[in-house]
Amino acid sequence: MSELDAKKRNAIPGQQFAFPKQRKEPIENATHVRNAIARFNQVEGVTDAERDEAWKHITAAAGQYGVEVHEKSWREIGAKAAHPAKR
């Protein structure tokens, strides 16, 4: 998938961004939802409260587009499960 050019990005309604106020991380299709999850921790200049709201937007869009989300919270992104080693 190609990157959004400025004209296409500006045409996306605000509610179709994970961070609508900042217009960061579009989530208007399954590919963008997966990208928003993958890049979530790279978003700068937002508060934890804004991240909480963005996560709600992402999980709602994931459900709409059939994208599996394994994390229950954005705080789990990139965290490795702490499982004892099997012997």
Protein backbone atom coordinates (compact mmCIF):
# COMPACT_ATOMS: atom_id res chain seq x y z
CA MET A 1 0.00 0.00 0.00
CA SER A 2 1.31 3.43 -0.86
CA GLU A 3 1.56 6.26 1.61
CA LEU A 4 -1.24 8.77 1.76
CA ASP A 5 -0.46 11.99 -0.01
CA ALA A 6 -1.54 15.25 1.62
CA LYS A 7 -4.71 15.57 -0.49
CA LYS A 8 -5.94 12.06 0.37
CA ARG A 9 -4.99 12.42 4.04
CA ASN A 10 -6.86 15.74 4.29
CA ALA A 11 -9.94 14.11 2.74
CA ILE A 12 -10.18 11.55 5.56
CA PRO A 13 -12.75 12.59 8.19
CA GLY A 14 -11.28 13.31 11.64
CA GLN A 15 -13.14 10.45 13.29
CA GLN A 16 -11.22 8.02 11.07
CA PHE A 17 -7.94 8.75 12.84
CA ALA A 18 -6.78 7.06 16.03
CA PHE A 19 -5.78 10.53 17.27
CA PRO A 20 -8.44 12.74 15.63
CA LYS A 21 -7.35 16.04 17.23
CA GLN A 22 -3.82 15.62 15.87
CA ARG A 23 -5.00 13.73 12.74
CA LYS A 24 -2.46 11.01 13.45
CA GLU A 25 -2.73 7.34 12.48
CA PRO A 26 -5.58 6.92 10.00
CA ILE A 27 -7.81 3.89 10.72
CA GLU A 28 -10.21 3.91 7.77
CA ASN A 29 -9.36 0.38 6.58
CA ALA A 30 -7.83 -2.87 7.87
CA THR A 31 -4.32 -2.07 6.61
CA HIS A 32 -4.28 1.29 8.34
CA VAL A 33 -5.64 -0.24 11.56
CA ARG A 34 -2.76 -2.74 11.59
CA ASN A 35 -0.31 0.11 10.91
CA ALA A 36 -1.82 2.22 13.70
CA ILE A 37 -1.27 -0.64 16.15
CA ALA A 38 2.28 -1.26 14.94
CA ARG A 39 3.23 2.42 15.09
CA PHE A 40 1.25 3.32 18.21
CA ASN A 41 4.29 3.72 20.47
CA GLN A 42 5.99 5.95 17.90
CA VAL A 43 3.33 8.67 18.13
CA GLU A 44 4.77 11.71 19.88
CA GLY A 45 3.20 14.76 21.50
CA VAL A 46 0.13 13.05 22.98
CA THR A 47 -0.92 12.41 26.57
CA ASP A 48 -1.75 9.05 28.14
CA ALA A 49 -5.41 10.11 28.18
CA GLU A 50 -5.23 10.75 24.42
CA ARG A 51 -3.58 7.34 24.00
CA ASP A 52 -6.43 5.74 25.96
CA GLU A 53 -8.96 7.34 23.62
CA ALA A 54 -6.94 6.44 20.54
CA TRP A 55 -6.79 2.80 21.67
CA LYS A 56 -10.59 2.79 21.92
CA HIS A 57 -10.80 4.13 18.36
CA ILE A 58 -8.33 1.54 17.10
CA THR A 59 -10.05 -1.42 18.76
CA ALA A 60 -13.44 -0.27 17.47
CA ALA A 61 -12.04 0.04 13.94
CA ALA A 62 -10.31 -3.34 14.31
CA GLY A 63 -13.66 -4.94 15.10
CA GLN A 64 -15.26 -3.21 12.14
CA TYR A 65 -12.56 -4.40 9.70
CA GLY A 66 -11.94 -7.85 11.18
CA VAL A 67 -8.43 -7.12 12.50
CA GLU A 68 -7.35 -9.29 15.44
CA VAL A 69 -6.01 -7.36 18.42
CA HIS A 70 -4.27 -9.44 21.07
CA GLU A 71 -3.44 -6.61 23.46
CA LYS A 72 -6.08 -5.51 25.97
CA SER A 73 -4.44 -2.10 26.39
CA TRP A 74 -2.02 0.05 24.43
CA ARG A 75 0.37 -0.38 27.35
CA GLU A 76 0.79 -4.03 26.31
CA ILE A 77 2.05 -3.20 22.82
CA GLY A 78 5.54 -4.58 22.42
CA ALA A 79 5.57 -6.12 25.90
CA LYS A 80 6.79 -9.70 26.00
CA ALA A 81 4.69 -12.13 27.96
CA ALA A 82 6.37 -13.14 31.19
CA HIS A 83 6.09 -16.91 31.01
CA PRO A 84 8.45 -19.21 32.85
CA ALA A 85 10.70 -21.23 30.58
CA LYS A 86 9.48 -24.75 29.98
CA ARG A 87 12.00 -27.49 30.66
